[in-house]
Structures are given as C-alpha cells and as structure tokens.
C-alpha atoms as a PDB file:
ATOM      1  CA  MET A   1      -3.396  -7.836  -3.204  1.00  0.00           C
ATOM      2  CA  THR A   2      -5.566 -10.520  -5.666  1.00  0.00           C
ATOM      3  CA  PRO A   3      -8.879 -10.643  -8.113  1.00  0.00           C
ATOM      4  CA  THR A   4     -11.455 -11.532  -5.793  1.00  0.00           C
ATOM      5  CA  SER A   5     -13.275 -13.042  -8.780  1.00  0.00           C
ATOM      6  CA  SER A   6     -12.232 -14.093 -12.398  1.00  0.00           C
ATOM      7  CA  THR A   7     -12.950 -14.195 -15.486  1.00  0.00           C
ATOM      8  CA  SER A   8     -10.720 -14.938 -18.386  1.00  0.00           C
ATOM      9  CA  ARG A   9     -10.592 -11.475 -19.884  1.00  0.00           C
ATOM     10  CA  PHE A  10      -9.440 -10.175 -17.256  1.00  0.00           C
ATOM     11  CA  ASP A  11      -5.375 -11.578 -17.118  1.00  0.00           C
ATOM     12  CA  ALA A  12      -2.357 -10.451 -15.069  1.00  0.00           C
ATOM     13  CA  ALA A  13      -1.479  -7.238 -17.478  1.00  0.00           C
ATOM     14  CA  ASP A  14      -4.894  -5.652 -17.146  1.00  0.00           C
ATOM     15  CA  GLN A  15      -4.588  -6.244 -12.990  1.00  0.00           C
ATOM     16  CA  ALA A  16      -1.240  -4.476 -12.730  1.00  0.00           C
ATOM     17  CA  ALA A  17      -2.706  -1.598 -15.545  1.00  0.00           C
ATOM     18  CA  VAL A  18      -5.607  -1.695 -13.543  1.00  0.00           C
ATOM     19  CA  ALA A  19      -3.794  -1.281 -10.132  1.00  0.00           C
ATOM     20  CA  ALA A  20      -1.879   1.678 -11.508  1.00  0.00           C
ATOM     21  CA  VAL A  21      -4.568   4.109 -11.516  1.00  0.00           C
ATOM     22  CA  PRO A  22      -4.430   5.082  -7.861  1.00  0.00           C
ATOM     23  CA  ALA A  23      -1.230   5.658  -8.563  1.00  0.00           C
ATOM     24  CA  ARG A  24      -1.960   7.483 -11.381  1.00  0.00           C
ATOM     25  CA  MET A  25      -4.319   9.432  -9.616  1.00  0.00           C
ATOM     26  CA  VAL A  26      -1.677   9.965  -6.125  1.00  0.00           C
ATOM     27  CA  THR A  27       0.738  11.586  -8.865  1.00  0.00           C
ATOM     28  CA  ALA A  28      -1.546  14.248 -10.597  1.00  0.00           C
ATOM     29  CA  TRP A  29      -3.088  15.320  -6.910  1.00  0.00           C
ATOM     30  CA  ARG A  30       0.937  15.562  -5.941  1.00  0.00           C
ATOM     31  CA  GLU A  31       1.789  17.683  -9.425  1.00  0.00           C
ATOM     32  CA  HIS A  32      -1.656  19.232  -8.321  1.00  0.00           C
ATOM     33  CA  ASP A  33      -2.838  18.997 -12.135  1.00  0.00           C
ATOM     34  CA  ALA A  34      -6.335  19.157 -12.822  1.00  0.00           C
ATOM     35  CA  ASP A  35      -5.883  18.116 -16.458  1.00  0.00           C
ATOM     36  CA  ALA A  36      -4.407  15.030 -16.075  1.00  0.00           C
ATOM     37  CA  PHE A  37      -6.621  13.962 -12.907  1.00  0.00           C
ATOM     38  CA  ALA A  38      -9.317  14.645 -15.702  1.00  0.00           C
ATOM     39  CA  LYS A  39      -7.584  12.397 -18.405  1.00  0.00           C
ATOM     40  CA  LEU A  40      -7.873   8.658 -15.769  1.00  0.00           C
ATOM     41  CA  PHE A  41     -11.440   9.417 -16.366  1.00  0.00           C
ATOM     42  CA  ALA A  42     -14.345   8.443 -19.348  1.00  0.00           C
ATOM     43  CA  GLU A  43     -14.839  11.565 -21.096  1.00  0.00           C
ATOM     44  CA  ASP A  44     -18.425  10.975 -19.310  1.00  0.00           C
ATOM     45  CA  GLY A  45     -16.752   9.933 -16.409  1.00  0.00           C
ATOM     46  CA  THR A  46     -18.345  10.666 -13.105  1.00  0.00           C
ATOM     47  CA  LEU A  47     -16.876  11.895  -9.713  1.00  0.00           C
ATOM     48  CA  ILE A  48     -18.480  12.071  -6.209  1.00  0.00           C
ATOM     49  CA  LEU A  49     -17.347  13.540  -3.116  1.00  0.00           C
ATOM     50  CA  PRO A  50     -19.300  13.905   0.383  1.00  0.00           C
ATOM     51  CA  GLY A  51     -21.441  16.633  -1.391  1.00  0.00           C
ATOM     52  CA  VAL A  52     -19.049  17.086  -4.701  1.00  0.00           C
ATOM     53  CA  PHE A  53     -21.175  15.411  -7.902  1.00  0.00           C
ATOM     54  CA  GLU A  54     -19.612  16.242 -11.490  1.00  0.00           C
ATOM     55  CA  GLN A  55     -20.323  14.570 -14.542  1.00  0.00           C
ATOM     56  CA  GLY A  56     -17.802  14.972 -17.202  1.00  0.00           C
ATOM     57  CA  ARG A  57     -13.853  14.858 -18.080  1.00  0.00           C
ATOM     58  CA  ASP A  58     -14.587  18.815 -18.748  1.00  0.00           C
ATOM     59  CA  ALA A  59     -16.690  19.336 -15.492  1.00  0.00           C
ATOM     60  CA  ILE A  60     -14.015  17.479 -13.723  1.00  0.00           C
ATOM     61  CA  ARG A  61     -10.561  19.315 -14.896  1.00  0.00           C
ATOM     62  CA  GLN A  62     -12.417  22.856 -13.966  1.00  0.00           C
ATOM     63  CA  PHE A  63     -13.739  21.450 -10.193  1.00  0.00           C
ATOM     64  CA  MET A  64     -10.415  19.876  -9.032  1.00  0.00           C
ATOM     65  CA  SER A  65      -8.671  22.989 -10.866  1.00  0.00           C
ATOM     66  CA  ASN A  66     -10.491  24.996  -8.643  1.00  0.00           C
ATOM     67  CA  ALA A  67     -10.306  22.456  -6.048  1.00  0.00           C
ATOM     68  CA  TYR A  68      -6.186  22.687  -6.324  1.00  0.00           C
ATOM     69  CA  ALA A  69      -6.138  26.947  -6.413  1.00  0.00           C
ATOM     70  CA  GLY A  70      -8.665  26.337  -2.955  1.00  0.00           C
ATOM     71  CA  PRO A  71      -9.764  24.122  -0.383  1.00  0.00           C
ATOM     72  CA  TYR A  72      -6.733  21.075  -1.857  1.00  0.00           C
ATOM     73  CA  ARG A  73      -4.102  23.666  -1.882  1.00  0.00           C
ATOM     74  CA  GLY A  74      -0.897  22.125  -0.547  1.00  0.00           C
ATOM     75  CA  THR A  75      -2.761  18.881  -0.242  1.00  0.00           C
ATOM     76  CA  THR A  76      -0.998  15.820  -0.959  1.00  0.00           C
ATOM     77  CA  VAL A  77      -3.655  12.545  -1.616  1.00  0.00           C
ATOM     78  CA  THR A  78      -2.468   8.594  -0.711  1.00  0.00           C
ATOM     79  CA  GLY A  79      -4.721   5.527  -1.559  1.00  0.00           C
ATOM     80  CA  SER A  80      -3.819   1.722  -1.819  1.00  0.00           C
ATOM     81  CA  PRO A  81      -6.097  -0.437  -3.482  1.00  0.00           C
ATOM     82  CA  VAL A  82      -7.474  -3.134  -1.251  1.00  0.00           C
ATOM     83  CA  ALA A  83      -9.377  -5.394  -3.992  1.00  0.00           C
ATOM     84  CA  ILE A  84      -9.351  -5.496  -7.371  1.00  0.00           C
ATOM     85  CA  ARG A  85     -13.278  -7.590  -8.520  1.00  0.00           C
ATOM     86  CA  PRO A  86     -13.683  -8.192 -12.156  1.00  0.00           C
ATOM     87  CA  LEU A  87     -17.443  -6.997 -13.203  1.00  0.00           C
ATOM     88  CA  GLY A  88     -17.345  -8.447 -16.809  1.00  0.00           C
ATOM     89  CA  PRO A  89     -15.530  -7.731 -20.132  1.00  0.00           C
ATOM     90  CA  GLY A  90     -14.160  -4.600 -20.093  1.00  0.00           C
ATOM     91  CA  ALA A  91     -15.180  -3.251 -16.429  1.00  0.00           C
ATOM     92  CA  VAL A  92     -13.589  -3.716 -12.811  1.00  0.00           C
ATOM     93  CA  ALA A  93     -14.487  -2.313  -9.475  1.00  0.00           C
ATOM     94  CA  VAL A  94     -11.356  -1.189  -7.709  1.00  0.00           C
ATOM     95  CA  LEU A  95     -11.717  -0.622  -4.232  1.00  0.00           C
ATOM     96  CA  THR A  96      -9.424   1.786  -2.050  1.00  0.00           C
ATOM     97  CA  GLU A  97      -8.160   2.673   0.665  1.00  0.00           C
ATOM     98  CA  GLY A  98      -6.385   6.363   1.582  1.00  0.00           C
ATOM     99  CA  GLY A  99      -7.283   9.895   2.042  1.00  0.00           C
ATOM    100  CA  VAL A 100      -6.156  14.149   1.950  1.00  0.00           C
ATOM    101  CA  ILE A 101      -2.845  14.767   3.735  1.00  0.00           C
ATOM    102  CA  ALA A 102      -3.601  18.093   4.862  1.00  0.00           C
ATOM    103  CA  ALA A 103      -0.886  20.804   3.849  1.00  0.00           C
ATOM    104  CA  GLY A 104       2.088  21.164   5.812  1.00  0.00           C
ATOM    105  CA  THR A 105       1.804  17.737   6.649  1.00  0.00           C
ATOM    106  CA  GLU A 106       3.418  14.763   5.884  1.00  0.00           C
ATOM    107  CA  GLU A 107       0.827  11.972   7.436  1.00  0.00           C
ATOM    108  CA  LEU A 108      -2.808  11.575   7.401  1.00  0.00           C
ATOM    109  CA  ALA A 109      -5.201  12.868   9.748  1.00  0.00           C
ATOM    110  CA  PRO A 110      -7.714   9.786  10.716  1.00  0.00           C
ATOM    111  CA  GLU A 111     -10.715  12.322  10.198  1.00  0.00           C
ATOM    112  CA  ASN A 112      -9.542  12.780   6.397  1.00  0.00           C
ATOM    113  CA  ALA A 113      -9.029   8.848   5.824  1.00  0.00           C
ATOM    114  CA  ILE A 114     -11.591   7.661   3.511  1.00  0.00           C
ATOM    115  CA  ARG A 115     -12.197   4.352   1.212  1.00  0.00           C
ATOM    116  CA  ALA A 116     -13.161   4.822  -2.859  1.00  0.00           C
ATOM    117  CA  SER A 117     -15.089   2.672  -4.467  1.00  0.00           C
ATOM    118  CA  TRP A 118     -13.714   3.083  -8.983  1.00  0.00           C
ATOM    119  CA  ILE A 119     -15.154   1.664 -11.633  1.00  0.00           C
ATOM    120  CA  LEU A 120     -13.466   1.454 -14.361  1.00  0.00           C
ATOM    121  CA  VAL A 121     -13.758   0.525 -18.276  1.00  0.00           C
ATOM    122  CA  LYS A 122     -11.409  -0.472 -20.690  1.00  0.00           C
ATOM    123  CA  GLU A 123     -10.955   2.079 -23.541  1.00  0.00           C
ATOM    124  CA  ASP A 124      -9.176   1.115 -26.734  1.00  0.00           C
ATOM    125  CA  ASP A 125      -6.227  -0.670 -24.448  1.00  0.00           C
ATOM    126  CA  ASP A 126      -6.205   2.248 -21.713  1.00  0.00           C
ATOM    127  CA  TRP A 127      -8.618   1.734 -18.111  1.00  0.00           C
ATOM    128  CA  VAL A 128      -9.794   4.864 -17.356  1.00  0.00           C
ATOM    129  CA  LEU A 129     -12.895   5.801 -14.538  1.00  0.00           C
ATOM    130  CA  ALA A 130     -16.370   5.288 -15.404  1.00  0.00           C
ATOM    131  CA  VAL A 131     -17.354   6.343 -11.908  1.00  0.00           C
ATOM    132  CA  TYR A 132     -15.048   7.403  -8.870  1.00  0.00           C
ATOM    133  CA  GLN A 133     -16.733   8.025  -5.577  1.00  0.00           C
ATOM    134  CA  ASN A 134     -15.518   8.494  -1.797  1.00  0.00           C
ATOM    135  CA  CYS A 135     -16.180   8.601   1.382  1.00  0.00           C
ATOM    136  CA  PRO A 136     -15.072   8.840   5.082  1.00  0.00           C
ATOM    137  CA  ARG A 137     -13.015   5.453   6.257  1.00  0.00           C
ATOM    138  CA  ASP A 138     -14.864   5.931   9.837  1.00  0.00           C
ATOM    139  CA  ARG A 139     -17.988   7.335  11.534  1.00  0.00           C
ATOM    140  CA  SER A 140     -18.028  10.429  13.105  1.00  0.00           C
END
C-alpha cells in the first residue's frame, strides 16, 4: 500500500503512524475498550455508521460502551487500509475494508463486510480521527 498522492510533509513515519490507526481500532474493539476506541478520535471527532451519528469523543465513548454491552457484545472487527491519500499538511484520508465479525465466529460474513473512510488529522505528534464513516461493502 502506498499513498495515492504525495505531499512534502507526509513522510514514511507519518504513513506508518496513519496505517497503524486501523490496527489500534481492531485492538480496542477486541478488548471492548470504549475508552481506547474513543481516544482514536479528536476531541470533536465524528463517528458515522449506518443509522448512527455521534459527535465528540465523550459521545463516541458512551455509544461504544453501550454497544459493547449490547449489539456488539462478543464481536471483533477486522480492517485493513487499501489506500492512503494525503489531503494537505496535517490531514489524510484512509480507505479501508473490513467488517464486524459476529460473536462466536472467526470469519467475516459477507453481509457484515464494510468499506470505510477515515479522515485523520495530526494533533501534536499523534494522528487522530476527525471523521470515521463506514457503509456496507456490497449492495443488498
């Protein structure tokens, strides 16, 4: 995977840090750690899922805490970057494919496969999500 465009301020270290964010989300989800999940986002970050719109780190943390205790109980996720697109100094888009793996299974069911768009911004030396949005990978 390589960036699909380049800027002089998006170096190999930034690319590696950005590419690691989806793996951090997978880990937070596996551990059902709503705090770690929310820390992936900027303080005013946005989470958009089908039927869900959460604004702000605290709202995202609460949503995920409730989801891990409810519909996401026992689930894991998978996801891998397929493209990284620098948008300008301190901003990058990441496109991923993955999905939610149902509780008690080890493989991603086709109906749970997603594509996601991630807009990350650099705050201090850390890349955080300004916006995360996903949708089903396949048409129904």
